[in-house]
Protein backbone atom coordinates (compact mmCIF):
# COMPACT_ATOMS: atom_id res chain seq x y z
CA MET A 1 149.22 113.60 17.10
CA ALA A 2 148.92 113.33 20.87
CA THR A 3 152.10 112.59 22.84
CA VAL A 4 151.95 110.14 25.75
CA LEU A 5 154.17 109.82 28.83
CA LEU A 6 153.89 106.27 30.21
CA LEU A 7 154.72 105.33 33.82
CA GLU A 8 154.67 101.58 34.53
CA ASP A 9 157.15 99.66 36.65
CA ASP A 10 156.53 96.13 35.34
CA PRO A 11 158.74 95.65 32.24
CA ALA A 12 156.36 93.33 30.39
CA THR A 13 153.33 95.54 31.03
CA ARG A 14 155.33 98.65 30.14
CA GLU A 15 156.36 97.07 26.84
CA ARG A 16 152.75 96.12 26.10
CA LEU A 17 151.39 99.58 26.86
CA ALA A 18 154.21 101.29 24.96
CA GLY A 19 153.42 99.12 21.94
CA ILE A 20 149.73 100.00 22.11
CA VAL A 21 150.55 103.71 22.11
CA ALA A 22 153.22 103.44 19.42
CA HIS A 23 150.92 101.58 17.04
CA ALA A 24 147.89 103.85 17.51
CA PRO A 25 147.60 106.16 14.46
CA ASN A 26 146.87 109.33 16.45
CA LEU A 27 149.26 108.73 19.35
CA ALA A 28 153.01 109.03 19.83
CA LEU A 29 155.03 107.65 22.74
CA ALA A 30 157.05 110.48 24.30
CA ALA A 31 158.69 108.32 26.97
CA ALA A 32 158.16 105.10 28.93
CA CYS A 33 159.40 105.32 32.52
CA GLY A 34 159.75 102.49 35.02
CA ASP A 35 159.72 104.45 38.26
CA LEU A 36 158.29 107.63 39.76
CA ALA A 37 161.64 109.40 40.02
CA GLY A 38 162.38 108.87 36.34
CA ALA A 39 158.94 110.09 35.27
CA LEU A 40 159.19 113.22 37.44
CA ALA A 41 162.66 113.95 36.06
CA TRP A 42 161.42 113.51 32.48
CA LEU A 43 158.41 115.73 33.07
CA GLY A 44 160.63 118.47 34.48
CA SER A 45 163.07 118.45 31.57
CA HIS A 46 160.94 117.93 28.44
CA PRO A 47 157.99 119.63 26.73
CA ALA A 48 154.74 118.66 28.43
CA PRO A 49 153.04 115.57 26.97
CA ASP A 50 149.39 115.65 25.97
CA VAL A 51 148.53 112.60 28.06
CA LEU A 52 150.00 110.83 31.07
CA LEU A 53 149.26 107.09 31.30
CA VAL A 54 150.02 106.28 34.92
CA ASP A 55 150.31 103.16 37.06
CA LEU A 56 149.68 103.69 40.78
CA GLN A 57 151.72 101.08 42.64
CA LEU A 58 155.41 101.87 42.06
CA PRO A 59 158.62 100.78 43.80
CA ASP A 60 159.46 104.36 44.82
CA GLY A 61 156.03 105.87 45.48
CA SER A 62 152.59 106.32 43.96
CA GLY A 63 151.67 107.38 40.46
CA ILE A 64 149.31 109.87 42.09
CA GLU A 65 152.39 111.96 42.87
CA LEU A 66 153.10 112.24 39.13
CA ILE A 67 149.49 113.27 38.46
CA ARG A 68 149.76 116.00 41.10
CA ALA A 69 153.08 117.17 39.65
CA ALA A 70 151.61 117.28 36.15
CA ARG A 71 148.75 119.46 37.40
CA ARG A 72 151.35 121.99 38.56
CA MET A 73 153.90 121.67 35.77
CA ALA A 74 151.72 120.79 32.76
CA PRO A 75 148.11 121.75 33.57
CA GLN A 76 147.05 121.28 29.96
CA ALA A 77 148.01 117.59 30.05
CA GLU A 78 145.36 114.94 30.71
CA SER A 79 146.11 112.13 33.16
CA MET A 80 144.70 108.62 32.93
CA VAL A 81 145.35 105.90 35.49
CA ILE A 82 145.83 102.33 34.33
CA SER A 83 146.01 100.05 37.32
CA VAL A 84 145.07 96.71 38.84
CA PHE A 85 143.48 98.66 41.69
CA GLY A 86 139.82 99.51 41.16
CA ASP A 87 138.77 100.05 44.77
CA GLU A 88 137.11 103.22 45.99
CA ALA A 89 140.13 104.59 47.84
CA HIS A 90 142.46 104.44 44.83
CA VAL A 91 139.87 105.71 42.36
CA VAL A 92 138.79 108.68 44.49
CA ALA A 93 142.41 109.58 45.34
CA ALA A 94 143.34 109.58 41.65
CA ILE A 95 140.35 111.73 40.68
CA GLU A 96 141.06 114.19 43.47
CA ALA A 97 144.68 114.40 42.30
CA GLY A 98 143.52 115.36 38.80
CA ALA A 99 143.03 112.15 36.82
CA THR A 100 140.28 112.38 34.22
CA GLY A 101 140.32 108.73 33.16
CA TYR A 102 140.73 105.40 34.95
CA LEU A 103 141.21 102.00 33.33
CA LEU A 104 141.99 98.56 34.68
CA LYS A 105 145.00 96.75 33.24
CA ASP A 106 142.89 93.95 31.83
CA ALA A 107 141.50 96.37 29.23
CA SER A 108 142.17 95.38 25.62
CA ALA A 109 144.64 97.20 23.39
CA GLU A 110 141.76 98.73 21.43
CA GLU A 111 140.04 99.88 24.63
CA ILE A 112 143.22 101.54 25.90
CA ALA A 113 144.01 103.36 22.64
CA THR A 114 140.40 104.48 22.24
CA ALA A 115 140.26 105.68 25.85
CA ILE A 116 143.35 107.86 25.36
CA GLU A 117 141.83 109.43 22.26
CA ARG A 118 138.51 109.98 24.07
CA LEU A 119 140.44 111.65 26.88
CA ARG A 120 141.98 114.06 24.39
CA ALA A 121 138.50 114.77 22.97
CA GLY A 122 137.32 116.01 26.36
CA GLU A 123 135.63 112.85 27.62
CA ALA A 124 136.34 110.99 30.86
CA PRO A 125 136.81 107.29 30.00
CA ILE A 126 136.50 104.90 32.93
CA SER A 127 136.34 101.11 33.14
CA SER A 128 132.79 99.84 33.46
CA ALA A 129 133.60 97.89 36.62
CA ILE A 130 134.89 101.05 38.28
CA ALA A 131 131.92 103.08 37.05
CA ARG A 132 129.54 100.60 38.67
CA HIS A 133 131.52 100.79 41.91
CA LEU A 134 131.35 104.59 41.94
CA LEU A 135 127.63 104.58 41.17
CA LYS A 136 127.05 102.47 44.26
CA ARG A 137 129.02 105.01 46.29
CA PHE A 138 127.04 107.92 44.84
CA ARG A 139 123.71 106.18 45.45
CA ALA A 140 124.67 105.66 49.09
CA GLN A 141 125.43 109.36 49.41
CA GLU A 142 122.36 110.62 47.56
CA ALA A 143 119.91 109.80 50.37
CA PRO A 144 121.21 112.46 52.79
CA ALA A 145 121.67 114.86 49.91
CA ALA A 146 118.04 114.39 48.87
CA SER A 147 116.80 115.00 52.41
CA ALA A 148 118.70 118.27 52.68
CA PRO A 149 119.27 119.57 49.13
CA SER A 150 121.77 122.36 48.63
CA ALA A 151 121.00 125.47 46.67
CA SER A 152 122.83 125.22 43.38
CA PRO A 153 125.66 127.73 42.93
CA LEU A 154 125.38 127.24 39.16
CA THR A 155 123.35 129.17 36.63
CA PRO A 156 120.69 127.20 34.70
CA ARG A 157 122.97 127.08 31.65
CA GLU A 158 125.94 125.90 33.72
CA ASN A 159 123.73 123.23 35.23
CA GLU A 160 122.79 122.00 31.73
CA VAL A 161 126.48 121.75 30.87
CA LEU A 162 127.12 119.90 34.13
CA GLN A 163 124.48 117.28 33.29
CA LEU A 164 126.21 116.59 29.97
CA ILE A 165 129.66 116.52 31.58
CA ALA A 166 128.35 113.82 33.91
CA LYS A 167 127.27 111.76 30.88
CA GLY A 168 130.84 111.84 29.55
CA LEU A 169 130.11 113.93 26.44
CA SER A 170 133.00 115.67 24.71
CA TYR A 171 133.12 119.46 24.58
CA GLN A 172 132.11 119.38 20.91
CA ARG A 173 129.09 117.16 21.58
CA ILE A 174 128.03 119.42 24.45
CA ALA A 175 128.30 122.41 22.12
CA ASP A 176 126.20 120.65 19.47
CA THR A 177 123.58 119.53 22.00
CA LEU A 178 123.17 122.98 23.54
CA ASP A 179 123.61 124.89 20.26
CA MET A 180 126.61 126.91 21.40
CA SER A 181 130.24 127.24 20.38
CA PRO A 182 132.95 125.02 21.91
CA HIS A 183 134.54 128.21 23.26
CA THR A 184 131.35 129.02 25.17
CA VAL A 185 131.25 125.47 26.52
CA THR A 186 134.82 125.87 27.76
CA THR A 187 133.88 129.13 29.48
CA HIS A 188 130.93 127.49 31.23
CA ILE A 189 133.08 124.55 32.34
CA LYS A 190 135.70 126.89 33.80
CA GLN A 191 132.96 128.62 35.78
CA ILE A 192 131.64 125.25 36.99
CA TYR A 193 135.12 124.24 38.13
CA ARG A 194 135.59 127.57 39.90
CA LYS A 195 132.22 127.47 41.69
CA LEU A 196 132.63 123.86 42.77
CA ALA A 197 136.30 124.43 43.71
CA VAL A 198 137.52 121.56 41.51
CA ASN A 199 140.13 121.12 38.78
CA SER A 200 138.90 118.29 36.60
CA ARG A 201 135.82 116.72 35.05
CA GLY A 202 135.92 113.78 37.44
CA GLU A 203 136.14 116.03 40.48
CA ALA A 204 133.27 118.18 39.17
CA VAL A 205 130.97 115.15 38.85
CA PHE A 206 132.02 113.84 42.25
CA GLU A 207 131.46 117.19 43.99
CA ALA A 208 128.14 117.75 42.19
CA MET A 209 126.96 114.35 43.43
CA GLN A 210 128.02 115.31 46.94
CA LEU A 211 125.98 118.51 46.71
CA GLY A 212 122.93 116.82 45.20
CA LEU A 213 123.25 118.76 41.94
CA LEU A 214 123.03 115.67 39.73
CA PRO A 215 119.94 113.43 39.46
CA ARG A 216 119.90 109.97 40.94
CA ALA A 217 121.04 107.18 38.67
CA GLY A 218 118.03 105.81 36.88
CA SER A 219 115.78 108.77 37.70
């Protein structure tokens, strides 16, 4: 059973999201906070949740501050943004802060519950509209990368793992695909994060795109 800390300032939306979590068979609502201060206080005084479900626009700050705090205080927790903002600036800022999932608030109850469970399985769920937006950004950046490719700091095996990370596969599916143990996959991913100087799956994909380590979309 995965515990979820919810941060959402709008009462009606908070009630909806809390209900989705509470009724999901593999999820349990740890707390539902209406402001950043309350969520930070809860995080500092309770056992770390498995997942943070975070709104960005809050009356007393940004949900990104909670994601950053969770990285320090509960590094094992996964953070997923759920927001009305799907623009590049908000998405990139959330990923850089440590978010490994990003949904828009118009997602259905089933999509939200499934995304949280996928997050816990090692995947990086993201709304399709946002994924398309990011692909456009990556395509725009691939041209200079292709003209001056960087030498990969990764071993061939680490590069194989990276390709599968970029496809959103869970650790178990990566292990099955490459015929290795999940523990070995975890070791490779830690090395990838260290070499790329990142802290999350989303950051790893973003940085690999920047360095030209991932193939062009559609190639």
